[in-house]
PDB file of all heavy atoms in Angstrom:
ATOM      1  N   VAL A   1     199.918  40.764 125.753  1.00  0.00           N
ATOM      2  CA  VAL A   1     200.030  40.365 124.365  1.00  0.00           C
ATOM      3  C   VAL A   1     198.801  39.587 123.855  1.00  0.00           C
ATOM      4  O   VAL A   1     198.360  39.851 122.722  1.00  0.00           O
ATOM      5  CB  VAL A   1     201.355  39.442 124.190  1.00  0.00           C
ATOM      6  CG1 VAL A   1     201.363  38.851 122.774  1.00  0.00           C
ATOM      7  CG2 VAL A   1     202.608  40.226 124.520  1.00  0.00           C
ATOM      8  N   ALA A   2     198.273  38.753 124.665  1.00  0.00           N
ATOM      9  CA  ALA A   2     196.992  37.947 124.280  1.00  0.00           C
ATOM     10  C   ALA A   2     195.881  38.871 123.950  1.00  0.00           C
ATOM     11  O   ALA A   2     195.125  38.589 123.034  1.00  0.00           O
ATOM     12  CB  ALA A   2     196.718  36.921 125.404  1.00  0.00           C
ATOM     13  N   GLU A   3     195.712  39.923 124.707  1.00  0.00           N
ATOM     14  CA  GLU A   3     194.585  40.792 124.417  1.00  0.00           C
ATOM     15  C   GLU A   3     194.684  41.496 123.103  1.00  0.00           C
ATOM     16  O   GLU A   3     193.506  41.588 122.473  1.00  0.00           O
ATOM     17  CB  GLU A   3     194.460  41.858 125.579  1.00  0.00           C
ATOM     18  CG  GLU A   3     194.085  41.349 126.915  1.00  0.00           C
ATOM     19  CD  GLU A   3     194.195  42.370 127.998  1.00  0.00           C
ATOM     20  OE1 GLU A   3     194.785  43.574 127.800  1.00  0.00           O
ATOM     21  OE2 GLU A   3     193.576  42.099 129.082  1.00  0.00           O
ATOM     22  N   GLY A   4     195.741  41.802 122.612  1.00  0.00           N
ATOM     23  CA  GLY A   4     195.867  42.595 121.342  1.00  0.00           C
ATOM     24  C   GLY A   4     196.499  41.726 120.257  1.00  0.00           C
ATOM     25  O   GLY A   4     196.705  42.189 119.108  1.00  0.00           O
ATOM     26  N   GLU A   5     197.219  40.611 120.577  1.00  0.00           N
ATOM     27  CA  GLU A   5     197.984  39.779 119.742  1.00  0.00           C
ATOM     28  C   GLU A   5     199.020  40.671 118.973  1.00  0.00           C
ATOM     29  O   GLU A   5     199.207  40.527 117.791  1.00  0.00           O
ATOM     30  CB  GLU A   5     197.085  39.038 118.760  1.00  0.00           C
ATOM     31  CG  GLU A   5     196.304  37.891 119.369  1.00  0.00           C
ATOM     32  CD  GLU A   5     195.628  36.975 118.432  1.00  0.00           C
ATOM     33  OE1 GLU A   5     195.745  37.152 117.251  1.00  0.00           O
ATOM     34  OE2 GLU A   5     194.970  36.049 118.930  1.00  0.00           O
ATOM     35  N   HIS A   6     199.707  41.474 119.769  1.00  0.00           N
ATOM     36  CA  HIS A   6     200.713  42.422 119.240  1.00  0.00           C
ATOM     37  C   HIS A   6     201.685  42.721 120.387  1.00  0.00           C
ATOM     38  O   HIS A   6     201.320  43.349 121.374  1.00  0.00           O
ATOM     39  CB  HIS A   6     200.037  43.696 118.751  1.00  0.00           C
ATOM     40  CG  HIS A   6     200.818  44.395 117.734  1.00  0.00           C
ATOM     41  ND1 HIS A   6     201.879  45.253 118.045  1.00  0.00           N
ATOM     42  CD2 HIS A   6     200.836  44.346 116.414  1.00  0.00           C
ATOM     43  CE1 HIS A   6     202.468  45.722 116.960  1.00  0.00           C
ATOM     44  NE2 HIS A   6     201.806  45.202 115.947  1.00  0.00           N
ATOM     45  N   ILE A   7     202.925  42.347 120.158  1.00  0.00           N
ATOM     46  CA  ILE A   7     203.932  42.644 121.100  1.00  0.00           C
ATOM     47  C   ILE A   7     204.331  44.075 121.434  1.00  0.00           C
ATOM     48  O   ILE A   7     204.389  44.583 122.556  1.00  0.00           O
ATOM     49  CB  ILE A   7     205.217  41.840 120.946  1.00  0.00           C
ATOM     50  CG1 ILE A   7     204.856  40.279 121.048  1.00  0.00           C
ATOM     51  CG2 ILE A   7     206.398  42.141 121.840  1.00  0.00           C
ATOM     52  CD1 ILE A   7     206.014  39.328 120.720  1.00  0.00           C
ATOM     53  N   THR A   8     204.421  44.809 120.384  1.00  0.00           N
ATOM     54  CA  THR A   8     204.715  46.274 120.526  1.00  0.00           C
ATOM     55  C   THR A   8     203.695  47.048 121.313  1.00  0.00           C
ATOM     56  O   THR A   8     203.929  47.853 122.132  1.00  0.00           O
ATOM     57  CB  THR A   8     205.007  46.876 119.137  1.00  0.00           C
ATOM     58  OG1 THR A   8     206.075  46.158 118.431  1.00  0.00           O
ATOM     59  CG2 THR A   8     205.415  48.297 119.221  1.00  0.00           C
ATOM     60  N   LYS A   9     202.456  46.738 120.993  1.00  0.00           N
ATOM     61  CA  LYS A   9     201.322  47.433 121.633  1.00  0.00           C
ATOM     62  C   LYS A   9     201.306  47.009 123.108  1.00  0.00           C
ATOM     63  O   LYS A   9     201.000  47.839 123.994  1.00  0.00           O
ATOM     64  CB  LYS A   9     199.989  47.144 120.907  1.00  0.00           C
ATOM     65  CG  LYS A   9     199.875  47.829 119.634  1.00  0.00           C
ATOM     66  CD  LYS A   9     198.579  47.633 118.970  1.00  0.00           C
ATOM     67  CE  LYS A   9     198.567  48.105 117.547  1.00  0.00           C
ATOM     68  NZ  LYS A   9     197.335  47.842 116.791  1.00  0.00           N
ATOM     69  N   ALA A  10     201.560  45.792 123.416  1.00  0.00           N
ATOM     70  CA  ALA A  10     201.541  45.242 124.757  1.00  0.00           C
ATOM     71  C   ALA A  10     202.664  45.906 125.509  1.00  0.00           C
ATOM     72  O   ALA A  10     202.491  46.305 126.631  1.00  0.00           O
ATOM     73  CB  ALA A  10     201.669  43.816 124.729  1.00  0.00           C
ATOM     74  N   ALA A  11     203.813  46.031 124.865  1.00  0.00           N
ATOM     75  CA  ALA A  11     204.996  46.618 125.546  1.00  0.00           C
ATOM     76  C   ALA A  11     204.683  48.120 125.876  1.00  0.00           C
ATOM     77  O   ALA A  11     204.907  48.585 127.033  1.00  0.00           O
ATOM     78  CB  ALA A  11     206.270  46.567 124.591  1.00  0.00           C
ATOM     79  N   ALA A  12     203.994  48.809 124.943  1.00  0.00           N
ATOM     80  CA  ALA A  12     203.740  50.212 125.311  1.00  0.00           C
ATOM     81  C   ALA A  12     202.740  50.341 126.426  1.00  0.00           C
ATOM     82  O   ALA A  12     202.837  51.235 127.327  1.00  0.00           O
ATOM     83  CB  ALA A  12     203.176  50.874 123.950  1.00  0.00           C
ATOM     84  N   SER A  13     201.743  49.446 126.469  1.00  0.00           N
ATOM     85  CA  SER A  13     200.693  49.478 127.552  1.00  0.00           C
ATOM     86  C   SER A  13     201.397  49.125 128.858  1.00  0.00           C
ATOM     87  O   SER A  13     200.887  49.588 129.916  1.00  0.00           O
ATOM     88  CB  SER A  13     199.547  48.580 127.228  1.00  0.00           C
ATOM     89  OG  SER A  13     199.893  47.186 127.364  1.00  0.00           O
ATOM     90  N   LEU A  14     202.498  48.391 128.875  1.00  0.00           N
ATOM     91  CA  LEU A  14     203.123  47.982 130.110  1.00  0.00           C
ATOM     92  C   LEU A  14     204.312  48.863 130.449  1.00  0.00           C
ATOM     93  O   LEU A  14     204.958  48.671 131.523  1.00  0.00           O
ATOM     94  CB  LEU A  14     203.540  46.566 130.038  1.00  0.00           C
ATOM     95  CG  LEU A  14     202.580  45.438 129.805  1.00  0.00           C
ATOM     96  CD1 LEU A  14     203.186  44.151 129.492  1.00  0.00           C
ATOM     97  CD2 LEU A  14     201.662  45.293 131.066  1.00  0.00           C
ATOM     98  N   PHE A  15     204.571  49.862 129.637  1.00  0.00           N
ATOM     99  CA  PHE A  15     205.773  50.726 129.736  1.00  0.00           C
ATOM    100  C   PHE A  15     207.022  49.900 129.873  1.00  0.00           C
ATOM    101  O   PHE A  15     207.920  50.199 130.715  1.00  0.00           O
ATOM    102  CB  PHE A  15     205.620  51.577 131.032  1.00  0.00           C
ATOM    103  CG  PHE A  15     204.380  52.464 131.004  1.00  0.00           C
ATOM    104  CD1 PHE A  15     203.209  52.076 131.775  1.00  0.00           C
ATOM    105  CD2 PHE A  15     204.265  53.528 130.214  1.00  0.00           C
ATOM    106  CE1 PHE A  15     202.038  52.945 131.663  1.00  0.00           C
ATOM    107  CE2 PHE A  15     203.184  54.348 130.178  1.00  0.00           C
ATOM    108  CZ  PHE A  15     201.981  53.994 130.918  1.00  0.00           C
ATOM    109  N   LEU A  16     207.086  48.927 128.940  1.00  0.00           N
ATOM    110  CA  LEU A  16     208.297  48.089 128.835  1.00  0.00           C
ATOM    111  C   LEU A  16     208.787  48.186 127.379  1.00  0.00           C
ATOM    112  O   LEU A  16     208.082  48.653 126.523  1.00  0.00           O
ATOM    113  CB  LEU A  16     208.001  46.627 129.193  1.00  0.00           C
ATOM    114  CG  LEU A  16     207.631  46.408 130.513  1.00  0.00           C
ATOM    115  CD1 LEU A  16     207.140  44.896 130.688  1.00  0.00           C
ATOM    116  CD2 LEU A  16     208.818  46.626 131.539  1.00  0.00           C
ATOM    117  N   THR A  17     210.020  47.723 127.113  1.00  0.00           N
ATOM    118  CA  THR A  17     210.426  47.605 125.682  1.00  0.00           C
ATOM    119  C   THR A  17     209.929  46.392 125.101  1.00  0.00           C
ATOM    120  O   THR A  17     209.503  45.437 125.745  1.00  0.00           O
ATOM    121  CB  THR A  17     211.999  47.605 125.669  1.00  0.00           C
ATOM    122  OG1 THR A  17     212.489  46.369 126.248  1.00  0.00           O
ATOM    123  CG2 THR A  17     212.699  48.828 126.276  1.00  0.00           C
ATOM    124  N   GLN A  18     209.932  46.389 123.703  1.00  0.00           N
ATOM    125  CA  GLN A  18     209.550  45.218 122.987  1.00  0.00           C
ATOM    126  C   GLN A  18     210.394  43.983 123.357  1.00  0.00           C
ATOM    127  O   GLN A  18     209.750  42.840 123.564  1.00  0.00           O
ATOM    128  CB  GLN A  18     209.486  45.486 121.503  1.00  0.00           C
ATOM    129  CG  GLN A  18     209.136  44.320 120.654  1.00  0.00           C
ATOM    130  CD  GLN A  18     209.132  44.657 119.178  1.00  0.00           C
ATOM    131  OE1 GLN A  18     209.335  45.824 118.782  1.00  0.00           O
ATOM    132  NE2 GLN A  18     208.975  43.645 118.304  1.00  0.00           N
ATOM    133  N   GLY A  19     211.624  44.268 123.497  1.00  0.00           N
ATOM    134  CA  GLY A  19     212.576  43.143 123.824  1.00  0.00           C
ATOM    135  C   GLY A  19     212.237  42.535 125.269  1.00  0.00           C
ATOM    136  O   GLY A  19     212.401  41.393 125.391  1.00  0.00           O
ATOM    137  N   ALA A  20     211.951  43.403 126.130  1.00  0.00           N
ATOM    138  CA  ALA A  20     211.674  42.911 127.475  1.00  0.00           C
ATOM    139  C   ALA A  20     210.366  42.095 127.479  1.00  0.00           C
ATOM    140  O   ALA A  20     210.365  40.952 128.115  1.00  0.00           O
ATOM    141  CB  ALA A  20     211.373  44.065 128.360  1.00  0.00           C
ATOM    142  N   VAL A  21     209.347  42.461 126.740  1.00  0.00           N
ATOM    143  CA  VAL A  21     208.133  41.676 126.674  1.00  0.00           C
ATOM    144  C   VAL A  21     208.355  40.370 125.956  1.00  0.00           C
ATOM    145  O   VAL A  21     207.963  39.249 126.363  1.00  0.00           O
ATOM    146  CB  VAL A  21     206.954  42.489 125.989  1.00  0.00           C
ATOM    147  CG1 VAL A  21     205.763  41.567 125.759  1.00  0.00           C
ATOM    148  CG2 VAL A  21     206.554  43.621 126.921  1.00  0.00           C
ATOM    149  N   THR A  22     209.122  40.449 124.905  1.00  0.00           N
ATOM    150  CA  THR A  22     209.491  39.102 124.224  1.00  0.00           C
ATOM    151  C   THR A  22     210.200  38.247 125.115  1.00  0.00           C
ATOM    152  O   THR A  22     209.876  36.952 125.044  1.00  0.00           O
ATOM    153  CB  THR A  22     210.400  39.504 122.938  1.00  0.00           C
ATOM    154  OG1 THR A  22     209.585  40.382 122.126  1.00  0.00           O
ATOM    155  CG2 THR A  22     210.760  38.231 122.172  1.00  0.00           C
ATOM    156  N   GLN A  23     211.150  38.702 125.860  1.00  0.00           N
ATOM    157  CA  GLN A  23     211.878  37.833 126.745  1.00  0.00           C
ATOM    158  C   GLN A  23     210.964  37.257 127.914  1.00  0.00           C
ATOM    159  O   GLN A  23     211.083  36.129 128.246  1.00  0.00           O
ATOM    160  CB  GLN A  23     213.115  38.532 127.510  1.00  0.00           C
ATOM    161  CG  GLN A  23     214.271  38.799 126.649  1.00  0.00           C
ATOM    162  CD  GLN A  23     214.968  37.437 126.288  1.00  0.00           C
ATOM    163  OE1 GLN A  23     214.698  36.388 126.861  1.00  0.00           O
ATOM    164  NE2 GLN A  23     215.906  37.486 125.409  1.00  0.00           N
ATOM    165  N   GLN A  24     210.046  38.150 128.446  1.00  0.00           N
ATOM    166  CA  GLN A  24     209.136  37.604 129.406  1.00  0.00           C
ATOM    167  C   GLN A  24     208.358  36.471 128.854  1.00  0.00           C
ATOM    168  O   GLN A  24     208.132  35.425 129.506  1.00  0.00           O
ATOM    169  CB  GLN A  24     208.181  38.753 129.775  1.00  0.00           C
ATOM    170  CG  GLN A  24     208.827  39.940 130.583  1.00  0.00           C
ATOM    171  CD  GLN A  24     208.980  39.652 132.005  1.00  0.00           C
ATOM    172  OE1 GLN A  24     208.642  38.680 132.573  1.00  0.00           O
ATOM    173  NE2 GLN A  24     209.558  40.685 132.662  1.00  0.00           N
ATOM    174  N   ILE A  25     207.830  36.654 127.575  1.00  0.00           N
ATOM    175  CA  ILE A  25     206.966  35.668 127.012  1.00  0.00           C
ATOM    176  C   ILE A  25     207.747  34.321 126.737  1.00  0.00           C
ATOM    177  O   ILE A  25     207.397  33.233 127.049  1.00  0.00           O
ATOM    178  CB  ILE A  25     206.373  36.091 125.678  1.00  0.00           C
ATOM    179  CG1 ILE A  25     205.427  37.295 125.927  1.00  0.00           C
ATOM    180  CG2 ILE A  25     205.660  34.960 124.934  1.00  0.00           C
ATOM    181  CD1 ILE A  25     204.268  37.046 126.739  1.00  0.00           C
ATOM    182  N   LYS A  26     209.023  34.451 126.345  1.00  0.00           N
ATOM    183  CA  LYS A  26     209.895  33.326 126.056  1.00  0.00           C
ATOM    184  C   LYS A  26     210.149  32.523 127.373  1.00  0.00           C
ATOM    185  O   LYS A  26     209.956  31.357 127.287  1.00  0.00           O
ATOM    186  CB  LYS A  26     211.213  33.847 125.432  1.00  0.00           C
ATOM    187  CG  LYS A  26     212.228  32.780 125.196  1.00  0.00           C
ATOM    188  CD  LYS A  26     213.535  33.237 124.772  1.00  0.00           C
ATOM    189  CE  LYS A  26     214.567  32.155 124.735  1.00  0.00           C
ATOM    190  NZ  LYS A  26     215.949  32.677 124.761  1.00  0.00           N
ATOM    191  N   HIS A  27     210.459  33.292 128.372  1.00  0.00           N
ATOM    192  CA  HIS A  27     210.724  32.609 129.677  1.00  0.00           C
ATOM    193  C   HIS A  27     209.506  31.939 130.238  1.00  0.00           C
ATOM    194  O   HIS A  27     209.467  30.852 130.877  1.00  0.00           O
ATOM    195  CB  HIS A  27     211.328  33.552 130.674  1.00  0.00           C
ATOM    196  CG  HIS A  27     212.734  33.985 130.315  1.00  0.00           C
ATOM    197  ND1 HIS A  27     213.883  33.078 130.501  1.00  0.00           N
ATOM    198  CD2 HIS A  27     213.171  35.105 129.787  1.00  0.00           C
ATOM    199  CE1 HIS A  27     214.896  33.740 130.132  1.00  0.00           C
ATOM    200  NE2 HIS A  27     214.557  34.937 129.639  1.00  0.00           N
TER     201      HIS A  27
END
């Protein structure tokens, strides 16, 4: 997320859902 300052793009690059990345960051 920090590299692109965009959760959706980060999720796609990690092969995760946007919700999963959001939860990871929150935790």
